[in-house]
Amino acid sequence: GEDRIFGVVTTTSCFAPRGCDAVGEVAKICKKYDFVHVVNNAYGLQSTKCTSEIEKGIREGRVDAFVQSTDKNFMVPVGGAVVASPSENTIQDLAKSYPGRASMTPLLDLFITLLSMGEEGYLGLLKKK
């Protein structure tokens, strides 16, 4: 029964030919039953369809957090991720639980890449995709 479910993980995109889960519809169910909902958005940040599904889930249901791989979305080496949430409290709780022993290299790679591309460069790449 529903009392045995803690949370749900949906995925926006993955290796082809997999399509995006119905994140918005799942988010409505998660809101109805008070399930935690985490979205694996590893490849999805560069897709307006995927980001629209997450936005729909946030607006109409429940999305607690979504995770993006830095290498798949920002052209940096493998090893980093960006965790985002519509709730600042969720991010604060996550930050408190993180032991902080990982390398800073992925974050530094992302920072340097975004600085070198600038907003126009990054948005230009998104339009090309």
C-alpha atoms as a PDB file:
ATOM      1  CA  GLY A   1       0.000   0.000   0.000  1.00  0.00           C
ATOM      2  CA  GLU A   2       0.866   3.644  -0.177  1.00  0.00           C
ATOM      3  CA  ASP A   3       1.976   3.650   3.475  1.00  0.00           C
ATOM      4  CA  ARG A   4       4.969   1.528   2.407  1.00  0.00           C
ATOM      5  CA  ILE A   5       6.207   4.040  -0.183  1.00  0.00           C
ATOM      6  CA  PHE A   6       8.609   6.775   0.882  1.00  0.00           C
ATOM      7  CA  GLY A   7       9.473   8.308  -2.433  1.00  0.00           C
ATOM      8  CA  VAL A   8       9.549   8.165  -6.198  1.00  0.00           C
ATOM      9  CA  VAL A   9      12.379   8.754  -8.677  1.00  0.00           C
ATOM     10  CA  THR A  10      11.557   9.815 -12.221  1.00  0.00           C
ATOM     11  CA  THR A  11      13.964  10.302 -15.124  1.00  0.00           C
ATOM     12  CA  THR A  12      13.735  12.977 -17.788  1.00  0.00           C
ATOM     13  CA  SER A  13      16.207  11.601 -20.294  1.00  0.00           C
ATOM     14  CA  CYS A  14      18.772   8.884 -20.639  1.00  0.00           C
ATOM     15  CA  PHE A  15      20.533   6.935 -23.362  1.00  0.00           C
ATOM     16  CA  ALA A  16      18.433   6.688 -26.532  1.00  0.00           C
ATOM     17  CA  PRO A  17      15.788   5.560 -27.277  1.00  0.00           C
ATOM     18  CA  ARG A  18      14.420   6.248 -23.787  1.00  0.00           C
ATOM     19  CA  GLY A  19      11.938   9.104 -23.481  1.00  0.00           C
ATOM     20  CA  CYS A  20      11.075  11.422 -20.630  1.00  0.00           C
ATOM     21  CA  ASP A  21       8.915  10.074 -17.795  1.00  0.00           C
ATOM     22  CA  ALA A  22       5.618  11.890 -17.209  1.00  0.00           C
ATOM     23  CA  VAL A  23       7.219  13.982 -14.458  1.00  0.00           C
ATOM     24  CA  GLY A  24       4.261  16.363 -14.175  1.00  0.00           C
ATOM     25  CA  GLU A  25       1.727  13.560 -13.758  1.00  0.00           C
ATOM     26  CA  VAL A  26       3.913  11.656 -11.287  1.00  0.00           C
ATOM     27  CA  ALA A  27       4.401  14.900  -9.335  1.00  0.00           C
ATOM     28  CA  LYS A  28       0.615  15.199  -8.920  1.00  0.00           C
ATOM     29  CA  ILE A  29       0.481  11.678  -7.464  1.00  0.00           C
ATOM     30  CA  CYS A  30       3.400  12.463  -5.151  1.00  0.00           C
ATOM     31  CA  LYS A  31       1.610  15.574  -3.901  1.00  0.00           C
ATOM     32  CA  LYS A  32      -1.637  13.660  -3.355  1.00  0.00           C
ATOM     33  CA  TYR A  33       0.045  10.916  -1.306  1.00  0.00           C
ATOM     34  CA  ASP A  34       2.837  13.043   0.230  1.00  0.00           C
ATOM     35  CA  PHE A  35       5.632  11.033  -1.423  1.00  0.00           C
ATOM     36  CA  VAL A  36       9.112  12.481  -1.802  1.00  0.00           C
ATOM     37  CA  HIS A  37       9.833  13.035  -5.510  1.00  0.00           C
ATOM     38  CA  VAL A  38      13.361  13.267  -6.924  1.00  0.00           C
ATOM     39  CA  VAL A  39      13.951  13.795 -10.641  1.00  0.00           C
ATOM     40  CA  ASN A  40      17.013  12.346 -12.346  1.00  0.00           C
ATOM     41  CA  ASN A  41      17.626  15.088 -14.899  1.00  0.00           C
ATOM     42  CA  ALA A  42      21.130  13.911 -15.812  1.00  0.00           C
ATOM     43  CA  TYR A  43      20.866  14.813 -19.493  1.00  0.00           C
ATOM     44  CA  GLY A  44      17.773  16.998 -19.372  1.00  0.00           C
ATOM     45  CA  LEU A  45      19.000  20.494 -18.606  1.00  0.00           C
ATOM     46  CA  GLN A  46      19.734  21.101 -22.275  1.00  0.00           C
ATOM     47  CA  SER A  47      16.225  20.050 -23.339  1.00  0.00           C
ATOM     48  CA  THR A  48      13.319  22.484 -23.076  1.00  0.00           C
ATOM     49  CA  LYS A  49      10.919  19.510 -23.101  1.00  0.00           C
ATOM     50  CA  CYS A  50      12.589  18.012 -20.033  1.00  0.00           C
ATOM     51  CA  THR A  51      12.883  21.294 -18.146  1.00  0.00           C
ATOM     52  CA  SER A  52       9.229  22.051 -18.957  1.00  0.00           C
ATOM     53  CA  GLU A  53       8.215  18.710 -17.425  1.00  0.00           C
ATOM     54  CA  ILE A  54      10.082  19.574 -14.220  1.00  0.00           C
ATOM     55  CA  GLU A  55       8.522  23.050 -14.112  1.00  0.00           C
ATOM     56  CA  LYS A  56       5.074  21.499 -14.615  1.00  0.00           C
ATOM     57  CA  GLY A  57       5.753  19.072 -11.771  1.00  0.00           C
ATOM     58  CA  ILE A  58       6.783  21.916  -9.474  1.00  0.00           C
ATOM     59  CA  ARG A  59       3.720  24.010 -10.398  1.00  0.00           C
ATOM     60  CA  GLU A  60       1.095  21.285 -10.324  1.00  0.00           C
ATOM     61  CA  GLY A  61       2.461  18.662  -7.966  1.00  0.00           C
ATOM     62  CA  ARG A  62       5.495  17.835  -5.887  1.00  0.00           C
ATOM     63  CA  VAL A  63       9.137  17.829  -6.927  1.00  0.00           C
ATOM     64  CA  ASP A  64      11.523  17.843  -3.976  1.00  0.00           C
ATOM     65  CA  ALA A  65      14.789  17.889  -5.900  1.00  0.00           C
ATOM     66  CA  PHE A  66      16.246  17.392  -9.358  1.00  0.00           C
ATOM     67  CA  VAL A  67      19.802  16.433 -10.213  1.00  0.00           C
ATOM     68  CA  GLN A  68      21.807  17.375 -13.324  1.00  0.00           C
ATOM     69  CA  SER A  69      25.185  15.966 -14.375  1.00  0.00           C
ATOM     70  CA  THR A  70      27.707  18.699 -15.101  1.00  0.00           C
ATOM     71  CA  ASP A  71      29.513  16.662 -17.767  1.00  0.00           C
ATOM     72  CA  LYS A  72      26.331  15.946 -19.719  1.00  0.00           C
ATOM     73  CA  ASN A  73      25.017  19.511 -19.654  1.00  0.00           C
ATOM     74  CA  PHE A  74      27.989  21.867 -19.368  1.00  0.00           C
ATOM     75  CA  MET A  75      30.831  20.260 -21.365  1.00  0.00           C
ATOM     76  CA  VAL A  76      33.096  19.639 -18.385  1.00  0.00           C
ATOM     77  CA  PRO A  77      34.879  16.427 -17.292  1.00  0.00           C
ATOM     78  CA  VAL A  78      32.900  13.663 -15.572  1.00  0.00           C
ATOM     79  CA  GLY A  79      32.445  13.859 -11.823  1.00  0.00           C
ATOM     80  CA  GLY A  80      30.131  16.703 -10.875  1.00  0.00           C
ATOM     81  CA  ALA A  81      26.431  17.323 -10.398  1.00  0.00           C
ATOM     82  CA  VAL A  82      24.080  20.184  -9.676  1.00  0.00           C
ATOM     83  CA  VAL A  83      21.277  19.479  -7.221  1.00  0.00           C
ATOM     84  CA  ALA A  84      18.389  21.930  -7.318  1.00  0.00           C
ATOM     85  CA  SER A  85      15.073  22.234  -5.536  1.00  0.00           C
ATOM     86  CA  PRO A  86      12.115  24.589  -5.438  1.00  0.00           C
ATOM     87  CA  SER A  87      12.542  24.536  -1.649  1.00  0.00           C
ATOM     88  CA  GLU A  88      15.446  26.373  -0.055  1.00  0.00           C
ATOM     89  CA  ASN A  89      14.921  24.252   3.075  1.00  0.00           C
ATOM     90  CA  THR A  90      15.499  21.068   1.058  1.00  0.00           C
ATOM     91  CA  ILE A  91      18.805  22.427  -0.245  1.00  0.00           C
ATOM     92  CA  GLN A  92      19.843  23.531   3.258  1.00  0.00           C
ATOM     93  CA  ASP A  93      19.009  20.088   4.684  1.00  0.00           C
ATOM     94  CA  LEU A  94      20.963  18.412   1.890  1.00  0.00           C
ATOM     95  CA  ALA A  95      23.944  20.698   2.457  1.00  0.00           C
ATOM     96  CA  LYS A  96      23.936  19.868   6.179  1.00  0.00           C
ATOM     97  CA  SER A  97      23.913  16.135   5.475  1.00  0.00           C
ATOM     98  CA  TYR A  98      26.757  16.255   2.952  1.00  0.00           C
ATOM     99  CA  PRO A  99      30.109  15.306   4.525  1.00  0.00           C
ATOM    100  CA  GLY A 100      32.078  17.671   2.282  1.00  0.00           C
ATOM    101  CA  ARG A 101      34.940  15.315   1.472  1.00  0.00           C
ATOM    102  CA  ALA A 102      34.598  15.327  -2.310  1.00  0.00           C
ATOM    103  CA  SER A 103      36.947  17.038  -4.709  1.00  0.00           C
ATOM    104  CA  MET A 104      36.240  20.637  -5.648  1.00  0.00           C
ATOM    105  CA  THR A 105      37.574  20.008  -9.168  1.00  0.00           C
ATOM    106  CA  PRO A 106      34.150  19.451 -10.838  1.00  0.00           C
ATOM    107  CA  LEU A 107      32.806  22.689  -9.347  1.00  0.00           C
ATOM    108  CA  LEU A 108      35.891  24.610 -10.428  1.00  0.00           C
ATOM    109  CA  ASP A 109      35.646  23.120 -13.948  1.00  0.00           C
ATOM    110  CA  LEU A 110      32.007  24.197 -14.169  1.00  0.00           C
ATOM    111  CA  PHE A 111      32.749  27.689 -12.851  1.00  0.00           C
ATOM    112  CA  ILE A 112      35.592  28.268 -15.332  1.00  0.00           C
ATOM    113  CA  THR A 113      33.552  26.873 -18.245  1.00  0.00           C
ATOM    114  CA  LEU A 114      30.542  29.066 -17.490  1.00  0.00           C
ATOM    115  CA  LEU A 115      32.740  32.134 -17.033  1.00  0.00           C
ATOM    116  CA  SER A 116      34.490  31.526 -20.342  1.00  0.00           C
ATOM    117  CA  MET A 117      31.246  30.896 -22.277  1.00  0.00           C
ATOM    118  CA  GLY A 118      29.252  33.653 -20.641  1.00  0.00           C
ATOM    119  CA  GLU A 119      25.472  33.760 -20.673  1.00  0.00           C
ATOM    120  CA  GLU A 120      25.245  34.395 -24.420  1.00  0.00           C
ATOM    121  CA  GLY A 121      27.604  31.534 -25.244  1.00  0.00           C
ATOM    122  CA  TYR A 122      25.738  29.050 -23.064  1.00  0.00           C
ATOM    123  CA  LEU A 123      22.297  30.095 -24.307  1.00  0.00           C
ATOM    124  CA  GLY A 124      23.607  29.941 -27.881  1.00  0.00           C
ATOM    125  CA  LEU A 125      24.637  26.326 -27.345  1.00  0.00           C
ATOM    126  CA  LEU A 126      21.182  25.487 -25.987  1.00  0.00           C
ATOM    127  CA  LYS A 127      19.533  26.992 -29.066  1.00  0.00           C
ATOM    128  CA  LYS A 128      21.750  24.902 -31.364  1.00  0.00           C
ATOM    129  CA  LYS A 129      20.632  21.692 -29.632  1.00  0.00           C
END
